[in-house]
Amino acid sequence: MTENGSQPVAPKVAPRDRGARRFVTFTYLVIGGVIAYALISGPDGFAASVNEFLTATPTPSASPSASPSTSATP
């Protein structure tokens, strides 16, 4: 018989130390966040590029067929 009557006793397992894994994961997330922040909000970052793209005025076309109002007279 076992210690608890007819129930088998499971061996006690020490909890795993996940501190190192959590630290590495947290560190990767922080480093990735810093890099992403720099890429997004830097002077030439994604946000600045999108802002320039949305506020840009179209450049005049070099094609003579694009502007029919300026036709050459013979």
PDB file of N, CA and C in Angstrom:
ATOM      1  N   MET A   1       0.822  -1.186   0.000  1.00  0.00           N
ATOM      2  CA  MET A   1       0.000   0.000   0.000  1.00  0.00           C
ATOM      3  C   MET A   1       0.865   1.248   0.000  1.00  0.00           C
ATOM      4  N   THR A   2       0.267   2.311  -0.441  1.00  0.00           N
ATOM      5  CA  THR A   2       0.998   3.579  -0.478  1.00  0.00           C
ATOM      6  C   THR A   2       0.656   4.404   0.747  1.00  0.00           C
ATOM      7  N   GLU A   3       1.211   5.616   0.799  1.00  0.00           N
ATOM      8  CA  GLU A   3       1.007   6.456   1.985  1.00  0.00           C
ATOM      9  C   GLU A   3      -0.431   6.921   2.138  1.00  0.00           C
ATOM     10  N   ASN A   4      -1.137   7.154   1.032  1.00  0.00           N
ATOM     11  CA  ASN A   4      -2.506   7.665   1.092  1.00  0.00           C
ATOM     12  C   ASN A   4      -3.518   6.566   0.810  1.00  0.00           C
ATOM     13  N   GLY A   5      -3.371   5.459   1.363  1.00  0.00           N
ATOM     14  CA  GLY A   5      -4.320   4.375   1.128  1.00  0.00           C
ATOM     15  C   GLY A   5      -4.038   3.711  -0.199  1.00  0.00           C
ATOM     16  N   SER A   6      -5.038   3.733  -1.125  1.00  0.00           N
ATOM     17  CA  SER A   6      -4.861   3.069  -2.407  1.00  0.00           C
ATOM     18  C   SER A   6      -4.436   4.036  -3.512  1.00  0.00           C
ATOM     19  N   GLN A   7      -4.331   5.309  -3.208  1.00  0.00           N
ATOM     20  CA  GLN A   7      -3.926   6.295  -4.215  1.00  0.00           C
ATOM     21  C   GLN A   7      -2.404   6.319  -4.341  1.00  0.00           C
ATOM     22  N   PRO A   8      -1.884   6.280  -5.570  1.00  0.00           N
ATOM     23  CA  PRO A   8      -0.432   6.381  -5.725  1.00  0.00           C
ATOM     24  C   PRO A   8       0.036   7.807  -5.425  1.00  0.00           C
ATOM     25  N   VAL A   9       1.205   7.914  -4.914  1.00  0.00           N
ATOM     26  CA  VAL A   9       1.745   9.226  -4.563  1.00  0.00           C
ATOM     27  C   VAL A   9       2.624   9.710  -5.709  1.00  0.00           C
ATOM     28  N   ALA A  10       2.295  10.889  -6.230  1.00  0.00           N
ATOM     29  CA  ALA A  10       3.097  11.460  -7.311  1.00  0.00           C
ATOM     30  C   ALA A  10       4.346  12.090  -6.725  1.00  0.00           C
ATOM     31  N   PRO A  11       5.452  11.925  -7.386  1.00  0.00           N
ATOM     32  CA  PRO A  11       6.667  12.554  -6.867  1.00  0.00           C
ATOM     33  C   PRO A  11       6.562  14.072  -6.953  1.00  0.00           C
ATOM     34  N   LYS A  12       7.054  14.737  -5.957  1.00  0.00           N
ATOM     35  CA  LYS A  12       6.993  16.196  -5.951  1.00  0.00           C
ATOM     36  C   LYS A  12       8.097  16.734  -6.856  1.00  0.00           C
ATOM     37  N   VAL A  13       7.673  17.574  -7.782  1.00  0.00           N
ATOM     38  CA  VAL A  13       8.605  18.150  -8.743  1.00  0.00           C
ATOM     39  C   VAL A  13       8.805  19.607  -8.367  1.00  0.00           C
ATOM     40  N   ALA A  14      10.037  20.012  -8.306  1.00  0.00           N
ATOM     41  CA  ALA A  14      10.333  21.412  -8.000  1.00  0.00           C
ATOM     42  C   ALA A  14       9.903  22.283  -9.171  1.00  0.00           C
ATOM     43  N   PRO A  15       9.331  23.434  -8.899  1.00  0.00           N
ATOM     44  CA  PRO A  15       8.924  24.316  -9.998  1.00  0.00           C
ATOM     45  C   PRO A  15      10.144  24.786 -10.790  1.00  0.00           C
ATOM     46  N   ARG A  16       9.958  24.911 -12.087  1.00  0.00           N
ATOM     47  CA  ARG A  16      11.062  25.338 -12.941  1.00  0.00           C
ATOM     48  C   ARG A  16      11.334  26.820 -12.725  1.00  0.00           C
ATOM     49  N   ASP A  17      12.582  27.170 -12.829  1.00  0.00           N
ATOM     50  CA  ASP A  17      12.975  28.569 -12.718  1.00  0.00           C
ATOM     51  C   ASP A  17      12.883  29.201 -14.102  1.00  0.00           C
ATOM     52  N   ARG A  18      11.875  30.013 -14.301  1.00  0.00           N
ATOM     53  CA  ARG A  18      11.680  30.655 -15.596  1.00  0.00           C
ATOM     54  C   ARG A  18      12.160  32.104 -15.586  1.00  0.00           C
ATOM     55  N   GLY A  19      12.891  32.488 -14.579  1.00  0.00           N
ATOM     56  CA  GLY A  19      13.363  33.864 -14.488  1.00  0.00           C
ATOM     57  C   GLY A  19      14.259  34.265 -15.641  1.00  0.00           C
ATOM     58  N   ALA A  20      15.188  33.396 -16.013  1.00  0.00           N
ATOM     59  CA  ALA A  20      16.106  33.726 -17.103  1.00  0.00           C
ATOM     60  C   ALA A  20      15.355  33.851 -18.423  1.00  0.00           C
ATOM     61  N   ARG A  21      14.423  32.948 -18.676  1.00  0.00           N
ATOM     62  CA  ARG A  21      13.664  33.002 -19.924  1.00  0.00           C
ATOM     63  C   ARG A  21      12.808  34.264 -19.983  1.00  0.00           C
ATOM     64  N   ARG A  22      12.188  34.625 -18.881  1.00  0.00           N
ATOM     65  CA  ARG A  22      11.392  35.856 -18.852  1.00  0.00           C
ATOM     66  C   ARG A  22      12.274  37.074 -19.066  1.00  0.00           C
ATOM     67  N   PHE A  23      13.447  37.073 -18.472  1.00  0.00           N
ATOM     68  CA  PHE A  23      14.362  38.202 -18.634  1.00  0.00           C
ATOM     69  C   PHE A  23      14.783  38.362 -20.091  1.00  0.00           C
ATOM     70  N   VAL A  24      15.119  37.259 -20.742  1.00  0.00           N
ATOM     71  CA  VAL A  24      15.542  37.325 -22.141  1.00  0.00           C
ATOM     72  C   VAL A  24      14.387  37.788 -23.018  1.00  0.00           C
ATOM     73  N   THR A  25      13.193  37.263 -22.796  1.00  0.00           N
ATOM     74  CA  THR A  25      12.028  37.677 -23.575  1.00  0.00           C
ATOM     75  C   THR A  25      11.743  39.156 -23.373  1.00  0.00           C
ATOM     76  N   PHE A  26      11.764  39.601 -22.134  1.00  0.00           N
ATOM     77  CA  PHE A  26      11.515  41.010 -21.833  1.00  0.00           C
ATOM     78  C   PHE A  26      12.583  41.892 -22.478  1.00  0.00           C
ATOM     79  N   THR A  27      13.839  41.451 -22.423  1.00  0.00           N
ATOM     80  CA  THR A  27      14.926  42.232 -23.013  1.00  0.00           C
ATOM     81  C   THR A  27      14.761  42.333 -24.523  1.00  0.00           C
ATOM     82  N   TYR A  28      14.407  41.225 -25.174  1.00  0.00           N
ATOM     83  CA  TYR A  28      14.169  41.268 -26.619  1.00  0.00           C
ATOM     84  C   TYR A  28      13.034  42.227 -26.960  1.00  0.00           C
ATOM     85  N   LEU A  29      11.971  42.205 -26.180  1.00  0.00           N
ATOM     86  CA  LEU A  29      10.845  43.100 -26.445  1.00  0.00           C
ATOM     87  C   LEU A  29      11.239  44.561 -26.274  1.00  0.00           C
ATOM     88  N   VAL A  30      12.029  44.847 -25.247  1.00  0.00           N
ATOM     89  CA  VAL A  30      12.456  46.232 -25.020  1.00  0.00           C
ATOM     90  C   VAL A  30      13.362  46.702 -26.154  1.00  0.00           C
ATOM     91  N   ILE A  31      14.328  45.875 -26.534  1.00  0.00           N
ATOM     92  CA  ILE A  31      15.233  46.257 -27.623  1.00  0.00           C
ATOM     93  C   ILE A  31      14.450  46.428 -28.928  1.00  0.00           C
ATOM     94  N   GLY A  32      13.534  45.518 -29.199  1.00  0.00           N
ATOM     95  CA  GLY A  32      12.703  45.640 -30.393  1.00  0.00           C
ATOM     96  C   GLY A  32      11.841  46.886 -30.368  1.00  0.00           C
ATOM     97  N   GLY A  33      11.324  47.233 -29.203  1.00  0.00           N
ATOM     98  CA  GLY A  33      10.525  48.448 -29.077  1.00  0.00           C
ATOM     99  C   GLY A  33      11.335  49.699 -29.332  1.00  0.00           C
ATOM    100  N   VAL A  34      12.555  49.725 -28.827  1.00  0.00           N
ATOM    101  CA  VAL A  34      13.419  50.893 -29.049  1.00  0.00           C
ATOM    102  C   VAL A  34      13.755  51.032 -30.530  1.00  0.00           C
ATOM    103  N   ILE A  35      14.074  49.920 -31.176  1.00  0.00           N
ATOM    104  CA  ILE A  35      14.387  49.967 -32.607  1.00  0.00           C
ATOM    105  C   ILE A  35      13.156  50.376 -33.411  1.00  0.00           C
ATOM    106  N   ALA A  36      11.997  49.819 -33.086  1.00  0.00           N
ATOM    107  CA  ALA A  36      10.768  50.173 -33.801  1.00  0.00           C
ATOM    108  C   ALA A  36      10.425  51.642 -33.600  1.00  0.00           C
ATOM    109  N   TYR A  37      10.604  52.146 -32.384  1.00  0.00           N
ATOM    110  CA  TYR A  37      10.323  53.562 -32.114  1.00  0.00           C
ATOM    111  C   TYR A  37      11.229  54.447 -32.964  1.00  0.00           C
ATOM    112  N   ALA A  38      12.509  54.093 -33.047  1.00  0.00           N
ATOM    113  CA  ALA A  38      13.439  54.891 -33.847  1.00  0.00           C
ATOM    114  C   ALA A  38      13.072  54.846 -35.328  1.00  0.00           C
ATOM    115  N   LEU A  39      12.672  53.678 -35.819  1.00  0.00           N
ATOM    116  CA  LEU A  39      12.312  53.569 -37.228  1.00  0.00           C
ATOM    117  C   LEU A  39      11.018  54.307 -37.551  1.00  0.00           C
ATOM    118  N   ILE A  40      10.093  54.317 -36.606  1.00  0.00           N
ATOM    119  CA  ILE A  40       8.796  54.940 -36.862  1.00  0.00           C
ATOM    120  C   ILE A  40       8.851  56.448 -36.682  1.00  0.00           C
ATOM    121  N   SER A  41       9.472  56.917 -35.612  1.00  0.00           N
ATOM    122  CA  SER A  41       9.362  58.335 -35.286  1.00  0.00           C
ATOM    123  C   SER A  41      10.655  59.107 -35.451  1.00  0.00           C
ATOM    124  N   GLY A  42      11.654  58.556 -36.088  1.00  0.00           N
ATOM    125  CA  GLY A  42      12.889  59.285 -36.319  1.00  0.00           C
ATOM    126  C   GLY A  42      12.688  60.395 -37.337  1.00  0.00           C
ATOM    127  N   PRO A  43      13.720  61.209 -37.579  1.00  0.00           N
ATOM    128  CA  PRO A  43      13.572  62.311 -38.532  1.00  0.00           C
ATOM    129  C   PRO A  43      13.233  61.834 -39.944  1.00  0.00           C
ATOM    130  N   ASP A  44      13.735  60.699 -40.343  1.00  0.00           N
ATOM    131  CA  ASP A  44      13.397  60.118 -41.646  1.00  0.00           C
ATOM    132  C   ASP A  44      12.575  58.854 -41.470  1.00  0.00           C
ATOM    133  N   GLY A  45      11.851  58.765 -40.380  1.00  0.00           N
ATOM    134  CA  GLY A  45      11.124  57.552 -40.046  1.00  0.00           C
ATOM    135  C   GLY A  45       9.857  57.367 -40.842  1.00  0.00           C
ATOM    136  N   PHE A  46       9.171  56.301 -40.526  1.00  0.00           N
ATOM    137  CA  PHE A  46       7.949  55.928 -41.240  1.00  0.00           C
ATOM    138  C   PHE A  46       6.866  56.986 -41.079  1.00  0.00           C
ATOM    139  N   ALA A  47       6.703  57.534 -39.876  1.00  0.00           N
ATOM    140  CA  ALA A  47       5.663  58.537 -39.645  1.00  0.00           C
ATOM    141  C   ALA A  47       5.944  59.797 -40.454  1.00  0.00           C
ATOM    142  N   ALA A  48       7.209  60.214 -40.520  1.00  0.00           N
ATOM    143  CA  ALA A  48       7.554  61.392 -41.307  1.00  0.00           C
ATOM    144  C   ALA A  48       7.327  61.134 -42.793  1.00  0.00           C
ATOM    145  N   SER A  49       7.637  59.934 -43.241  1.00  0.00           N
ATOM    146  CA  SER A  49       7.436  59.601 -44.650  1.00  0.00           C
ATOM    147  C   SER A  49       5.957  59.602 -45.002  1.00  0.00           C
ATOM    148  N   VAL A  50       5.143  59.038 -44.126  1.00  0.00           N
ATOM    149  CA  VAL A  50       3.700  59.015 -44.380  1.00  0.00           C
ATOM    150  C   VAL A  50       3.148  60.429 -44.365  1.00  0.00           C
ATOM    151  N   ASN A  51       3.612  61.254 -43.432  1.00  0.00           N
ATOM    152  CA  ASN A  51       3.154  62.638 -43.363  1.00  0.00           C
ATOM    153  C   ASN A  51       3.530  63.383 -44.639  1.00  0.00           C
ATOM    154  N   GLU A  52       4.754  63.212 -45.117  1.00  0.00           N
ATOM    155  CA  GLU A  52       5.160  63.856 -46.365  1.00  0.00           C
ATOM    156  C   GLU A  52       4.351  63.321 -47.539  1.00  0.00           C
ATOM    157  N   PHE A  53       4.074  62.036 -47.537  1.00  0.00           N
ATOM    158  CA  PHE A  53       3.311  61.441 -48.631  1.00  0.00           C
ATOM    159  C   PHE A  53       1.887  61.989 -48.663  1.00  0.00           C
ATOM    160  N   LEU A  54       1.283  62.150 -47.503  1.00  0.00           N
ATOM    161  CA  LEU A  54      -0.104  62.610 -47.457  1.00  0.00           C
ATOM    162  C   LEU A  54      -0.229  64.101 -47.732  1.00  0.00           C
ATOM    163  N   THR A  55       0.792  64.884 -47.421  1.00  0.00           N
ATOM    164  CA  THR A  55       0.704  66.335 -47.607  1.00  0.00           C
ATOM    165  C   THR A  55       1.427  66.802 -48.862  1.00  0.00           C
ATOM    166  N   ALA A  56       1.954  65.909 -49.661  1.00  0.00           N
ATOM    167  CA  ALA A  56       2.709  66.301 -50.849  1.00  0.00           C
ATOM    168  C   ALA A  56       1.771  66.815 -51.930  1.00  0.00           C
ATOM    169  N   THR A  57       2.262  67.783 -52.684  1.00  0.00           N
ATOM    170  CA  THR A  57       1.511  68.273 -53.835  1.00  0.00           C
ATOM    171  C   THR A  57       2.043  67.561 -55.070  1.00  0.00           C
ATOM    172  N   PRO A  58       1.195  67.280 -56.021  1.00  0.00           N
ATOM    173  CA  PRO A  58       1.666  66.570 -57.203  1.00  0.00           C
ATOM    174  C   PRO A  58       2.618  67.441 -58.024  1.00  0.00           C
ATOM    175  N   THR A  59       3.607  66.829 -58.583  1.00  0.00           N
ATOM    176  CA  THR A  59       4.556  67.564 -59.417  1.00  0.00           C
ATOM    177  C   THR A  59       3.999  67.685 -60.825  1.00  0.00           C
ATOM    178  N   PRO A  60       4.338  68.748 -61.510  1.00  0.00           N
ATOM    179  CA  PRO A  60       3.839  68.879 -62.884  1.00  0.00           C
ATOM    180  C   PRO A  60       4.415  67.787 -63.776  1.00  0.00           C
ATOM    181  N   SER A  61       3.620  67.365 -64.696  1.00  0.00           N
ATOM    182  CA  SER A  61       4.039  66.282 -65.575  1.00  0.00           C
ATOM    183  C   SER A  61       4.924  66.826 -66.691  1.00  0.00           C
ATOM    184  N   ALA A  62       5.894  66.048 -67.093  1.00  0.00           N
ATOM    185  CA  ALA A  62       6.770  66.436 -68.195  1.00  0.00           C
ATOM    186  C   ALA A  62       6.197  66.010 -69.536  1.00  0.00           C
ATOM    187  N   SER A  63       5.107  65.286 -69.497  1.00  0.00           N
ATOM    188  CA  SER A  63       4.513  64.786 -70.726  1.00  0.00           C
ATOM    189  C   SER A  63       3.724  65.899 -71.413  1.00  0.00           C
ATOM    190  N   PRO A  64       3.926  66.133 -72.707  1.00  0.00           N
ATOM    191  CA  PRO A  64       3.163  67.191 -73.390  1.00  0.00           C
ATOM    192  C   PRO A  64       1.690  66.841 -73.550  1.00  0.00           C
ATOM    193  N   SER A  65       1.347  65.558 -73.492  1.00  0.00           N
ATOM    194  CA  SER A  65      -0.051  65.178 -73.665  1.00  0.00           C
ATOM    195  C   SER A  65      -0.843  65.285 -72.369  1.00  0.00           C
ATOM    196  N   ALA A  66      -0.186  65.563 -71.266  1.00  0.00           N
ATOM    197  CA  ALA A  66      -0.883  65.632 -69.993  1.00  0.00           C
ATOM    198  C   ALA A  66      -1.669  66.923 -69.851  1.00  0.00           C
ATOM    199  N   SER A  67      -1.275  67.967 -70.531  1.00  0.00           N
ATOM    200  CA  SER A  67      -1.941  69.257 -70.396  1.00  0.00           C
ATOM    201  C   SER A  67      -2.495  69.687 -71.754  1.00  0.00           C
ATOM    202  N   PRO A  68      -3.762  69.403 -72.045  1.00  0.00           N
ATOM    203  CA  PRO A  68      -4.307  69.731 -73.365  1.00  0.00           C
ATOM    204  C   PRO A  68      -4.551  71.226 -73.556  1.00  0.00           C
ATOM    205  N   SER A  69      -4.591  72.019 -72.484  1.00  0.00           N
ATOM    206  CA  SER A  69      -4.878  73.444 -72.629  1.00  0.00           C
ATOM    207  C   SER A  69      -3.707  74.212 -73.214  1.00  0.00           C
ATOM    208  N   THR A  70      -2.521  73.659 -73.165  1.00  0.00           N
ATOM    209  CA  THR A  70      -1.348  74.349 -73.715  1.00  0.00           C
ATOM    210  C   THR A  70      -0.949  73.699 -75.032  1.00  0.00           C
ATOM    211  N   SER A  71      -1.807  73.783 -76.010  1.00  0.00           N
ATOM    212  CA  SER A  71      -1.489  73.190 -77.305  1.00  0.00           C
ATOM    213  C   SER A  71      -0.716  74.201 -78.144  1.00  0.00           C
ATOM    214  N   ALA A  72       0.159  73.703 -78.959  1.00  0.00           N
ATOM    215  CA  ALA A  72       0.973  74.575 -79.810  1.00  0.00           C
ATOM    216  C   ALA A  72       0.151  75.031 -81.006  1.00  0.00           C
ATOM    217  N   THR A  73       0.278  76.288 -81.360  1.00  0.00           N
ATOM    218  CA  THR A  73      -0.436  76.807 -82.533  1.00  0.00           C
ATOM    219  C   THR A  73       0.504  76.776 -83.731  1.00  0.00           C
ATOM    220  N   PRO A  74      -0.035  76.452 -84.926  1.00  0.00           N
ATOM    221  CA  PRO A  74       0.840  76.371 -86.102  1.00  0.00           C
ATOM    222  C   PRO A  74       1.249  77.720 -86.637  1.00  0.00           C
TER     223      PRO A  74
END
